[in-house]
Amino acid sequence: MTEIATPSTATADGRGPDVAGLLERLRLAEAKLARRREQQTGMNETDRAAMRYLLEQVETAEITPSMIVRALHLSPASGTALIDRLVGRGLVVVEAHPHDRRKKIVRPFDRNIDPDRLDPLTMQLRSLASGLPASDARIVAGFLEDVLAMVSETALPAS
């Protein structure tokens, strides 16, 4: 993926794309999108990710709360709060496991919800990523892994 730097994406010295500037613009756009989507739907990004996970796993016989927690990288307490919110909105049902009374099964209330309608951006991003040549995808993936690690490990300043 060879891209020619345009004036809006070039560094001040004109040497190439302003990756840091683009990352900042991406962060701001993502925050704005998240606020707008939550206002429109009442669902935050974690709620939306959980529903996408459930809907994409609809053929799986058993989706447990711990599977959702692992898939979304949540703490058990956050997972419980998430599932409670989804139950409260009538989006999922929690049932006892038919053979193991220690387990609970989480199912979407309506299995016909289109995950792409619920979260069209994810599908668009997947499509965009699938168009990258393998060599470019490796470079982008490595960079994004570093960004993810930095975001995940950065502590917020004490308030």
N, C-alpha and C. Protein backbone atom coordinates (compact mmCIF):
# COMPACT_ATOMS: atom_id res chain seq x y z
N MET A 1 0.86 -1.16 0.00
CA MET A 1 0.00 0.00 0.00
C MET A 1 0.90 1.22 0.00
N THR A 2 1.19 1.73 -1.14
CA THR A 2 2.00 2.92 -1.25
C THR A 2 1.05 4.09 -1.42
N GLU A 3 1.16 5.02 -0.49
CA GLU A 3 0.26 6.16 -0.54
C GLU A 3 1.09 7.42 -0.66
N ILE A 4 0.65 8.29 -1.52
CA ILE A 4 1.32 9.57 -1.66
C ILE A 4 0.73 10.51 -0.64
N ALA A 5 1.59 11.17 0.11
CA ALA A 5 1.12 12.10 1.13
C ALA A 5 0.43 13.28 0.47
N THR A 6 -0.74 13.58 0.97
CA THR A 6 -1.47 14.75 0.49
C THR A 6 -1.23 15.88 1.49
N PRO A 7 -1.50 17.10 1.11
CA PRO A 7 -1.25 18.20 2.04
C PRO A 7 -1.91 18.00 3.41
N SER A 8 -3.10 17.39 3.46
CA SER A 8 -3.78 17.22 4.75
C SER A 8 -3.16 16.10 5.58
N THR A 9 -2.40 15.20 4.95
CA THR A 9 -1.81 14.10 5.70
C THR A 9 -0.30 14.16 5.74
N ALA A 10 0.32 15.16 5.15
CA ALA A 10 1.77 15.25 5.12
C ALA A 10 2.29 15.88 6.41
N THR A 11 3.50 15.49 6.80
CA THR A 11 4.14 16.12 7.95
C THR A 11 4.52 17.55 7.57
N ALA A 12 4.82 18.34 8.57
CA ALA A 12 5.17 19.74 8.34
C ALA A 12 6.41 19.86 7.46
N ASP A 13 7.33 18.90 7.59
CA ASP A 13 8.56 18.97 6.78
C ASP A 13 8.37 18.35 5.40
N GLY A 14 7.16 17.83 5.11
CA GLY A 14 6.84 17.30 3.79
C GLY A 14 7.48 15.96 3.49
N ARG A 15 8.03 15.27 4.49
CA ARG A 15 8.73 14.01 4.24
C ARG A 15 7.83 12.80 4.08
N GLY A 16 6.63 12.88 4.47
CA GLY A 16 5.76 11.70 4.35
C GLY A 16 4.47 11.92 5.09
N PRO A 17 3.69 10.86 5.17
CA PRO A 17 2.40 10.97 5.86
C PRO A 17 2.59 11.32 7.33
N ASP A 18 1.71 12.14 7.85
CA ASP A 18 1.72 12.51 9.26
C ASP A 18 0.92 11.46 10.03
N VAL A 19 1.57 10.34 10.33
CA VAL A 19 0.90 9.22 10.98
C VAL A 19 0.39 9.63 12.36
N ALA A 20 1.20 10.35 13.12
CA ALA A 20 0.78 10.78 14.46
C ALA A 20 -0.46 11.68 14.36
N GLY A 21 -0.46 12.59 13.40
CA GLY A 21 -1.61 13.46 13.21
C GLY A 21 -2.84 12.69 12.80
N LEU A 22 -2.66 11.71 11.93
CA LEU A 22 -3.79 10.88 11.50
C LEU A 22 -4.33 10.05 12.67
N LEU A 23 -3.44 9.54 13.52
CA LEU A 23 -3.89 8.80 14.69
C LEU A 23 -4.72 9.69 15.61
N GLU A 24 -4.29 10.91 15.80
CA GLU A 24 -5.05 11.83 16.65
C GLU A 24 -6.41 12.13 16.03
N ARG A 25 -6.45 12.35 14.73
CA ARG A 25 -7.74 12.59 14.06
C ARG A 25 -8.64 11.36 14.17
N LEU A 26 -8.05 10.16 14.05
CA LEU A 26 -8.81 8.92 14.19
C LEU A 26 -9.40 8.81 15.59
N ARG A 27 -8.60 9.10 16.62
CA ARG A 27 -9.09 9.03 18.00
C ARG A 27 -10.24 10.00 18.22
N LEU A 28 -10.12 11.21 17.72
CA LEU A 28 -11.18 12.20 17.88
C LEU A 28 -12.45 11.78 17.13
N ALA A 29 -12.28 11.27 15.91
CA ALA A 29 -13.43 10.83 15.12
C ALA A 29 -14.12 9.64 15.79
N GLU A 30 -13.34 8.72 16.34
CA GLU A 30 -13.91 7.55 17.02
C GLU A 30 -14.69 7.98 18.25
N ALA A 31 -14.16 8.92 19.02
CA ALA A 31 -14.86 9.40 20.21
C ALA A 31 -16.17 10.09 19.82
N LYS A 32 -16.14 10.89 18.76
CA LYS A 32 -17.34 11.57 18.29
C LYS A 32 -18.39 10.56 17.82
N LEU A 33 -17.94 9.55 17.06
CA LEU A 33 -18.83 8.50 16.58
C LEU A 33 -19.44 7.74 17.75
N ALA A 34 -18.64 7.41 18.75
CA ALA A 34 -19.14 6.66 19.90
C ALA A 34 -20.23 7.45 20.63
N ARG A 35 -19.99 8.75 20.82
CA ARG A 35 -20.99 9.59 21.49
C ARG A 35 -22.28 9.65 20.67
N ARG A 36 -22.15 9.84 19.37
CA ARG A 36 -23.33 9.95 18.51
C ARG A 36 -24.11 8.63 18.49
N ARG A 37 -23.41 7.50 18.40
CA ARG A 37 -24.08 6.21 18.35
C ARG A 37 -24.78 5.90 19.67
N GLU A 38 -24.14 6.26 20.78
CA GLU A 38 -24.77 6.00 22.08
C GLU A 38 -26.02 6.86 22.25
N GLN A 39 -25.98 8.10 21.77
CA GLN A 39 -27.16 8.97 21.84
C GLN A 39 -28.30 8.40 20.99
N GLN A 40 -27.96 7.87 19.82
CA GLN A 40 -28.99 7.37 18.91
C GLN A 40 -29.58 6.04 19.35
N THR A 41 -28.74 5.16 19.90
CA THR A 41 -29.20 3.80 20.19
C THR A 41 -29.30 3.47 21.67
N GLY A 42 -28.65 4.26 22.51
CA GLY A 42 -28.62 3.94 23.94
C GLY A 42 -27.65 2.84 24.27
N MET A 43 -26.91 2.36 23.27
CA MET A 43 -25.93 1.30 23.48
C MET A 43 -24.52 1.88 23.37
N ASN A 44 -23.67 1.51 24.33
CA ASN A 44 -22.28 1.95 24.21
C ASN A 44 -21.51 0.95 23.34
N GLU A 45 -20.25 1.23 23.12
CA GLU A 45 -19.45 0.39 22.22
C GLU A 45 -19.31 -1.04 22.74
N THR A 46 -19.21 -1.20 24.05
CA THR A 46 -19.09 -2.54 24.62
C THR A 46 -20.38 -3.32 24.42
N ASP A 47 -21.52 -2.67 24.62
CA ASP A 47 -22.81 -3.32 24.38
C ASP A 47 -22.91 -3.79 22.93
N ARG A 48 -22.52 -2.91 22.03
CA ARG A 48 -22.58 -3.21 20.60
C ARG A 48 -21.64 -4.37 20.25
N ALA A 49 -20.44 -4.36 20.83
CA ALA A 49 -19.48 -5.44 20.56
C ALA A 49 -20.01 -6.77 21.09
N ALA A 50 -20.65 -6.74 22.25
CA ALA A 50 -21.21 -7.98 22.81
C ALA A 50 -22.32 -8.52 21.92
N MET A 51 -23.19 -7.64 21.46
CA MET A 51 -24.27 -8.09 20.59
C MET A 51 -23.72 -8.64 19.28
N ARG A 52 -22.71 -7.98 18.71
CA ARG A 52 -22.09 -8.49 17.49
C ARG A 52 -21.52 -9.87 17.74
N TYR A 53 -20.82 -10.05 18.85
CA TYR A 53 -20.25 -11.35 19.20
C TYR A 53 -21.35 -12.41 19.29
N LEU A 54 -22.40 -12.10 20.02
CA LEU A 54 -23.49 -13.07 20.18
C LEU A 54 -24.14 -13.41 18.84
N LEU A 55 -24.38 -12.41 18.02
CA LEU A 55 -25.04 -12.64 16.74
C LEU A 55 -24.15 -13.40 15.76
N GLU A 56 -22.85 -13.16 15.82
CA GLU A 56 -21.94 -13.88 14.94
C GLU A 56 -21.70 -15.31 15.42
N GLN A 57 -21.98 -15.58 16.69
CA GLN A 57 -21.80 -16.93 17.25
C GLN A 57 -23.13 -17.66 17.39
N VAL A 58 -24.15 -17.18 16.72
CA VAL A 58 -25.51 -17.70 16.91
C VAL A 58 -25.60 -19.20 16.65
N GLU A 59 -24.74 -19.74 15.84
CA GLU A 59 -24.77 -21.18 15.57
C GLU A 59 -24.11 -21.99 16.68
N THR A 60 -23.37 -21.32 17.56
CA THR A 60 -22.74 -21.99 18.68
C THR A 60 -23.82 -22.40 19.67
N ALA A 61 -23.75 -23.64 20.13
CA ALA A 61 -24.79 -24.14 21.02
C ALA A 61 -24.82 -23.40 22.35
N GLU A 62 -23.66 -23.07 22.88
CA GLU A 62 -23.61 -22.47 24.20
C GLU A 62 -22.69 -21.27 24.22
N ILE A 63 -23.24 -20.12 24.52
CA ILE A 63 -22.42 -18.94 24.73
C ILE A 63 -22.62 -18.56 26.20
N THR A 64 -21.53 -18.67 26.94
CA THR A 64 -21.61 -18.39 28.37
C THR A 64 -21.12 -16.98 28.65
N PRO A 65 -21.48 -16.43 29.80
CA PRO A 65 -20.96 -15.12 30.17
C PRO A 65 -19.43 -15.07 30.14
N SER A 66 -18.77 -16.13 30.57
CA SER A 66 -17.30 -16.13 30.56
C SER A 66 -16.74 -16.08 29.15
N MET A 67 -17.43 -16.66 28.18
CA MET A 67 -16.99 -16.57 26.78
C MET A 67 -17.07 -15.13 26.30
N ILE A 68 -18.13 -14.43 26.68
CA ILE A 68 -18.28 -13.02 26.29
C ILE A 68 -17.20 -12.19 26.94
N VAL A 69 -16.96 -12.42 28.23
CA VAL A 69 -15.93 -11.69 28.96
C VAL A 69 -14.57 -11.87 28.29
N ARG A 70 -14.23 -13.10 27.94
CA ARG A 70 -12.93 -13.36 27.27
C ARG A 70 -12.86 -12.70 25.90
N ALA A 71 -13.93 -12.82 25.14
CA ALA A 71 -13.94 -12.27 23.78
C ALA A 71 -13.78 -10.76 23.78
N LEU A 72 -14.34 -10.09 24.79
CA LEU A 72 -14.31 -8.63 24.83
C LEU A 72 -13.24 -8.08 25.76
N HIS A 73 -12.47 -9.00 26.36
CA HIS A 73 -11.38 -8.60 27.26
C HIS A 73 -11.89 -7.76 28.42
N LEU A 74 -12.93 -8.27 29.09
CA LEU A 74 -13.53 -7.57 30.22
C LEU A 74 -13.22 -8.29 31.52
N SER A 75 -13.37 -7.59 32.62
CA SER A 75 -13.30 -8.23 33.93
C SER A 75 -14.63 -8.95 34.14
N PRO A 76 -14.66 -9.96 35.02
CA PRO A 76 -15.93 -10.63 35.29
C PRO A 76 -17.01 -9.67 35.78
N ALA A 77 -16.65 -8.71 36.61
CA ALA A 77 -17.64 -7.74 37.10
C ALA A 77 -18.20 -6.90 35.95
N SER A 78 -17.33 -6.46 35.04
CA SER A 78 -17.80 -5.68 33.89
C SER A 78 -18.68 -6.53 32.99
N GLY A 79 -18.33 -7.81 32.86
CA GLY A 79 -19.15 -8.71 32.05
C GLY A 79 -20.55 -8.89 32.63
N THR A 80 -20.62 -9.00 33.95
CA THR A 80 -21.92 -9.13 34.62
C THR A 80 -22.76 -7.87 34.39
N ALA A 81 -22.14 -6.70 34.55
CA ALA A 81 -22.86 -5.45 34.33
C ALA A 81 -23.33 -5.34 32.88
N LEU A 82 -22.48 -5.74 31.95
CA LEU A 82 -22.83 -5.72 30.53
C LEU A 82 -24.05 -6.60 30.26
N ILE A 83 -24.00 -7.83 30.73
CA ILE A 83 -25.11 -8.76 30.48
C ILE A 83 -26.38 -8.25 31.15
N ASP A 84 -26.26 -7.69 32.34
CA ASP A 84 -27.44 -7.10 33.01
C ASP A 84 -28.05 -5.97 32.17
N ARG A 85 -27.18 -5.13 31.57
CA ARG A 85 -27.70 -4.04 30.71
C ARG A 85 -28.43 -4.61 29.51
N LEU A 86 -27.85 -5.62 28.88
CA LEU A 86 -28.46 -6.20 27.68
C LEU A 86 -29.77 -6.91 28.01
N VAL A 87 -29.82 -7.58 29.16
CA VAL A 87 -31.07 -8.22 29.61
C VAL A 87 -32.11 -7.13 29.87
N GLY A 88 -31.69 -6.07 30.55
CA GLY A 88 -32.60 -4.97 30.88
C GLY A 88 -33.20 -4.30 29.65
N ARG A 89 -32.45 -4.29 28.56
CA ARG A 89 -32.94 -3.68 27.31
C ARG A 89 -33.73 -4.68 26.46
N GLY A 90 -33.82 -5.91 26.93
CA GLY A 90 -34.55 -6.93 26.18
C GLY A 90 -33.79 -7.44 24.97
N LEU A 91 -32.47 -7.29 24.96
CA LEU A 91 -31.68 -7.73 23.81
C LEU A 91 -31.20 -9.17 23.94
N VAL A 92 -31.03 -9.64 25.17
CA VAL A 92 -30.58 -11.01 25.39
C VAL A 92 -31.41 -11.65 26.49
N VAL A 93 -31.37 -12.96 26.52
CA VAL A 93 -31.94 -13.73 27.62
C VAL A 93 -30.83 -14.59 28.20
N VAL A 94 -30.91 -14.81 29.49
CA VAL A 94 -29.96 -15.68 30.18
C VAL A 94 -30.75 -16.87 30.69
N GLU A 95 -30.30 -18.05 30.32
CA GLU A 95 -31.00 -19.28 30.68
C GLU A 95 -30.06 -20.21 31.43
N ALA A 96 -30.64 -21.08 32.21
CA ALA A 96 -29.84 -22.11 32.88
C ALA A 96 -29.35 -23.10 31.82
N HIS A 97 -28.16 -23.60 32.02
CA HIS A 97 -27.62 -24.64 31.13
C HIS A 97 -28.44 -25.91 31.33
N PRO A 98 -28.79 -26.61 30.26
CA PRO A 98 -29.66 -27.78 30.41
C PRO A 98 -29.02 -28.96 31.17
N HIS A 99 -27.66 -29.02 31.20
CA HIS A 99 -27.01 -30.17 31.82
C HIS A 99 -26.07 -29.81 32.96
N ASP A 100 -25.73 -28.54 33.10
CA ASP A 100 -24.78 -28.12 34.12
C ASP A 100 -25.37 -26.92 34.85
N ARG A 101 -25.89 -27.15 36.04
CA ARG A 101 -26.61 -26.08 36.73
C ARG A 101 -25.71 -24.95 37.19
N ARG A 102 -24.38 -25.12 37.11
CA ARG A 102 -23.46 -24.04 37.46
C ARG A 102 -23.33 -23.03 36.32
N LYS A 103 -23.67 -23.42 35.11
CA LYS A 103 -23.49 -22.56 33.93
C LYS A 103 -24.77 -21.84 33.57
N LYS A 104 -24.57 -20.69 32.94
CA LYS A 104 -25.66 -19.92 32.34
C LYS A 104 -25.36 -19.80 30.85
N ILE A 105 -26.40 -19.72 30.06
CA ILE A 105 -26.29 -19.55 28.62
C ILE A 105 -26.89 -18.19 28.27
N VAL A 106 -26.18 -17.43 27.43
CA VAL A 106 -26.66 -16.12 26.99
C VAL A 106 -27.04 -16.26 25.52
N ARG A 107 -28.25 -15.82 25.20
CA ARG A 107 -28.73 -15.89 23.82
C ARG A 107 -29.34 -14.54 23.42
N PRO A 108 -29.14 -14.16 22.16
CA PRO A 108 -29.82 -12.94 21.70
C PRO A 108 -31.32 -13.20 21.69
N PHE A 109 -32.09 -12.23 22.13
CA PHE A 109 -33.54 -12.36 22.13
C PHE A 109 -34.05 -12.56 20.71
N ASP A 110 -33.49 -11.79 19.77
CA ASP A 110 -33.86 -11.89 18.36
C ASP A 110 -32.63 -12.29 17.58
N ARG A 111 -32.59 -13.52 17.13
CA ARG A 111 -31.43 -14.03 16.40
C ARG A 111 -31.37 -13.54 14.95
N ASN A 112 -32.40 -12.83 14.53
CA ASN A 112 -32.44 -12.35 13.16
C ASN A 112 -31.90 -10.93 13.00
N ILE A 113 -31.42 -10.34 14.08
CA ILE A 113 -30.82 -9.01 13.97
C ILE A 113 -29.58 -9.12 13.11
N ASP A 114 -29.43 -8.23 12.16
CA ASP A 114 -28.26 -8.22 11.29
C ASP A 114 -27.12 -7.51 12.02
N PRO A 115 -26.03 -8.23 12.34
CA PRO A 115 -24.93 -7.58 13.06
C PRO A 115 -24.34 -6.39 12.29
N ASP A 116 -24.43 -6.42 10.97
CA ASP A 116 -23.90 -5.31 10.18
C ASP A 116 -24.80 -4.08 10.26
N ARG A 117 -26.08 -4.29 10.51
CA ARG A 117 -26.98 -3.15 10.72
C ARG A 117 -26.75 -2.57 12.11
N LEU A 118 -26.50 -3.45 13.05
CA LEU A 118 -26.22 -3.03 14.42
C LEU A 118 -24.90 -2.26 14.49
N ASP A 119 -23.93 -2.69 13.70
CA ASP A 119 -22.60 -2.09 13.72
C ASP A 119 -21.99 -2.13 12.32
N PRO A 120 -22.47 -1.26 11.41
CA PRO A 120 -21.99 -1.32 10.03
C PRO A 120 -20.51 -0.96 9.87
N LEU A 121 -19.98 -0.18 10.77
CA LEU A 121 -18.58 0.24 10.64
C LEU A 121 -17.63 -0.95 10.73
N THR A 122 -17.93 -1.90 11.60
CA THR A 122 -17.05 -3.06 11.74
C THR A 122 -16.92 -3.80 10.41
N MET A 123 -18.03 -4.02 9.72
CA MET A 123 -17.97 -4.73 8.44
C MET A 123 -17.22 -3.90 7.40
N GLN A 124 -17.42 -2.61 7.40
CA GLN A 124 -16.71 -1.75 6.45
C GLN A 124 -15.20 -1.79 6.71
N LEU A 125 -14.81 -1.77 7.98
CA LEU A 125 -13.38 -1.84 8.31
C LEU A 125 -12.79 -3.20 7.95
N ARG A 126 -13.55 -4.26 8.18
CA ARG A 126 -13.08 -5.60 7.79
C ARG A 126 -12.87 -5.67 6.27
N SER A 127 -13.78 -5.10 5.54
CA SER A 127 -13.67 -5.09 4.08
C SER A 127 -12.46 -4.30 3.63
N LEU A 128 -12.26 -3.14 4.23
CA LEU A 128 -11.10 -2.31 3.91
C LEU A 128 -9.80 -3.07 4.20
N ALA A 129 -9.74 -3.72 5.35
CA ALA A 129 -8.54 -4.46 5.74
C ALA A 129 -8.30 -5.65 4.81
N SER A 130 -9.36 -6.30 4.37
CA SER A 130 -9.18 -7.48 3.51
C SER A 130 -8.61 -7.11 2.15
N GLY A 131 -8.71 -5.84 1.78
CA GLY A 131 -8.16 -5.40 0.49
C GLY A 131 -6.67 -5.09 0.52
N LEU A 132 -6.06 -5.13 1.70
CA LEU A 132 -4.62 -4.85 1.80
C LEU A 132 -3.81 -6.02 1.27
N PRO A 133 -2.77 -5.74 0.51
CA PRO A 133 -1.84 -6.82 0.15
C PRO A 133 -1.20 -7.39 1.42
N ALA A 134 -0.84 -8.66 1.41
CA ALA A 134 -0.32 -9.34 2.61
C ALA A 134 0.88 -8.60 3.22
N SER A 135 1.78 -8.11 2.39
CA SER A 135 2.96 -7.42 2.93
C SER A 135 2.56 -6.13 3.64
N ASP A 136 1.63 -5.39 3.09
CA ASP A 136 1.14 -4.16 3.74
C ASP A 136 0.35 -4.51 5.00
N ALA A 137 -0.43 -5.57 4.92
CA ALA A 137 -1.23 -5.98 6.08
C ALA A 137 -0.33 -6.31 7.26
N ARG A 138 0.80 -6.97 7.01
CA ARG A 138 1.73 -7.29 8.10
C ARG A 138 2.28 -6.03 8.74
N ILE A 139 2.61 -5.04 7.94
CA ILE A 139 3.16 -3.77 8.46
C ILE A 139 2.08 -3.04 9.26
N VAL A 140 0.90 -2.93 8.69
CA VAL A 140 -0.20 -2.23 9.37
C VAL A 140 -0.56 -2.96 10.65
N ALA A 141 -0.65 -4.29 10.59
CA ALA A 141 -1.01 -5.07 11.78
C ALA A 141 0.03 -4.89 12.88
N GLY A 142 1.30 -4.90 12.53
CA GLY A 142 2.34 -4.68 13.53
C GLY A 142 2.22 -3.32 14.18
N PHE A 143 1.98 -2.31 13.37
CA PHE A 143 1.83 -0.96 13.89
C PHE A 143 0.60 -0.87 14.79
N LEU A 144 -0.52 -1.44 14.34
CA LEU A 144 -1.74 -1.37 15.14
C LEU A 144 -1.61 -2.16 16.44
N GLU A 145 -0.87 -3.28 16.43
CA GLU A 145 -0.61 -4.02 17.67
C GLU A 145 0.16 -3.14 18.65
N ASP A 146 1.15 -2.39 18.15
CA ASP A 146 1.90 -1.47 19.02
C ASP A 146 0.99 -0.37 19.57
N VAL A 147 0.12 0.18 18.72
CA VAL A 147 -0.81 1.21 19.17
C VAL A 147 -1.75 0.63 20.23
N LEU A 148 -2.28 -0.56 19.97
CA LEU A 148 -3.18 -1.21 20.92
C LEU A 148 -2.49 -1.43 22.27
N ALA A 149 -1.28 -1.91 22.23
CA ALA A 149 -0.54 -2.13 23.48
C ALA A 149 -0.36 -0.81 24.23
N MET A 150 -0.03 0.24 23.50
CA MET A 150 0.18 1.53 24.14
C MET A 150 -1.12 2.05 24.76
N VAL A 151 -2.21 1.93 24.02
CA VAL A 151 -3.49 2.39 24.53
C VAL A 151 -3.90 1.55 25.75
N SER A 152 -3.69 0.26 25.68
CA SER A 152 -4.09 -0.64 26.77
C SER A 152 -3.27 -0.42 28.03
N GLU A 153 -2.00 -0.05 27.87
CA GLU A 153 -1.09 0.04 29.01
C GLU A 153 -0.96 1.45 29.56
N THR A 154 -1.50 2.43 28.88
CA THR A 154 -1.34 3.82 29.33
C THR A 154 -2.27 4.08 30.50
N ALA A 155 -1.67 4.55 31.57
CA ALA A 155 -2.45 4.90 32.76
C ALA A 155 -2.96 6.31 32.62
N LEU A 156 -4.17 6.53 33.09
CA LEU A 156 -4.73 7.88 33.08
C LEU A 156 -4.13 8.66 34.24
N PRO A 157 -3.93 9.95 34.06
CA PRO A 157 -3.41 10.75 35.17
C PRO A 157 -4.40 10.79 36.32
N ALA A 158 -3.86 10.86 37.53
CA ALA A 158 -4.73 10.93 38.72
C ALA A 158 -5.55 12.21 38.67
N SER A 159 -6.83 12.09 39.05
CA SER A 159 -7.69 13.27 39.01
C SER A 159 -7.70 14.00 40.33
